[in-house]
Amino acid sequence: MRSKKRSSTLKPRAALVVVNDAAMGVALGLALALILTFIPSFGVSALIDNSAVPETTMTVFVGTFAIMFGIGAALTGFLLMMEDS
């Protein structure tokens, strides 16, 4: 009897799982960036206020956290899904 060969293509359900993990990571990254900027004892808001263009610095700070956490969660979810198959 022949063993079943695994398909190397992603199924639509798998893509939805990876997108869901990425969205969860973005939400966690945004939450951490908000916590770091709104609690004064961390000192991040003071550093941002002292920069040349505070609006751009805040946007880059929050965007970096969101992208970093989103990509990390998506890759982790993808690897765990591939390991589970």
Protein backbone atom coordinates (compact mmCIF):
# COMPACT_ATOMS: atom_id res chain seq x y z
CA MET A 1 0.00 0.00 0.00
CA ARG A 2 1.34 3.41 -0.93
CA SER A 3 1.68 6.08 1.70
CA LYS A 4 -0.09 9.34 1.15
CA LYS A 5 2.14 12.11 -0.08
CA ARG A 6 1.78 15.48 1.64
CA SER A 7 0.80 18.39 -0.51
CA SER A 8 3.31 21.24 -0.39
CA THR A 9 0.75 23.89 -1.35
CA LEU A 10 -1.06 25.98 1.20
CA LYS A 11 -4.77 25.45 1.56
CA PRO A 12 -7.09 28.46 1.99
CA ARG A 13 -7.67 27.52 5.64
CA ALA A 14 -3.93 27.58 6.27
CA ALA A 15 -3.64 31.07 4.78
CA LEU A 16 -6.46 32.29 7.03
CA VAL A 17 -4.69 30.86 10.08
CA VAL A 18 -1.45 32.66 9.17
CA VAL A 19 -3.30 35.95 8.56
CA ASN A 20 -5.13 35.52 11.87
CA ASP A 21 -1.81 35.00 13.67
CA ALA A 22 -0.35 38.07 11.97
CA ALA A 23 -3.33 40.20 13.04
CA MET A 24 -2.98 38.95 16.60
CA GLY A 25 0.72 39.85 16.56
CA VAL A 26 0.01 43.34 15.23
CA ALA A 27 -2.54 43.88 18.00
CA LEU A 28 -0.05 42.75 20.65
CA GLY A 29 2.66 44.97 19.18
CA LEU A 30 0.34 47.98 19.22
CA ALA A 31 -0.64 47.26 22.81
CA LEU A 32 2.99 47.06 23.91
CA ALA A 33 3.86 50.28 22.08
CA LEU A 34 0.94 52.05 23.75
CA ILE A 35 1.99 50.78 27.16
CA LEU A 36 5.58 51.91 26.62
CA THR A 37 4.55 55.39 25.44
CA PHE A 38 1.80 56.12 27.98
CA ILE A 39 3.57 55.02 31.18
CA PRO A 40 6.01 57.81 32.04
CA SER A 41 8.31 55.67 34.19
CA PHE A 42 9.64 53.95 31.04
CA GLY A 43 10.84 57.29 29.66
CA VAL A 44 9.97 56.52 26.05
CA SER A 45 7.51 59.40 25.71
CA ALA A 46 10.14 61.85 26.97
CA LEU A 47 12.61 60.62 24.37
CA ILE A 48 10.01 60.92 21.62
CA ASP A 49 9.04 64.43 22.74
CA ASN A 50 12.69 65.53 22.61
CA SER A 51 13.21 64.31 19.05
CA ALA A 52 13.32 66.66 16.04
CA VAL A 53 9.93 65.53 14.65
CA PRO A 54 7.91 63.84 17.45
CA GLU A 55 4.98 62.82 15.22
CA THR A 56 7.21 60.94 12.81
CA THR A 57 9.21 59.37 15.62
CA MET A 58 6.01 58.13 17.29
CA THR A 59 4.73 56.72 14.01
CA VAL A 60 7.99 54.89 13.32
CA PHE A 61 8.13 53.57 16.91
CA VAL A 62 4.57 52.23 16.88
CA GLY A 63 4.84 50.93 13.30
CA THR A 64 8.05 49.08 14.06
CA PHE A 65 6.50 47.33 17.03
CA ALA A 66 3.38 46.41 15.05
CA ILE A 67 5.29 45.05 12.06
CA MET A 68 7.86 43.23 14.20
CA PHE A 69 5.24 41.45 16.31
CA GLY A 70 3.00 40.76 13.30
CA ILE A 71 5.74 39.12 11.24
CA GLY A 72 6.98 37.17 14.25
CA ALA A 73 3.54 35.82 15.08
CA ALA A 74 2.81 34.96 11.44
CA LEU A 75 6.07 33.05 11.04
CA THR A 76 5.56 31.23 14.33
CA GLY A 77 2.01 30.29 13.38
CA PHE A 78 3.17 29.09 9.96
CA LEU A 79 5.93 26.94 11.42
CA LEU A 80 3.63 25.40 14.03
CA MET A 81 1.00 24.71 11.36
CA MET A 82 3.57 23.03 9.08
CA GLU A 83 4.87 20.96 12.00
CA ASP A 84 1.35 19.85 12.87
CA SER A 85 0.55 18.59 9.33
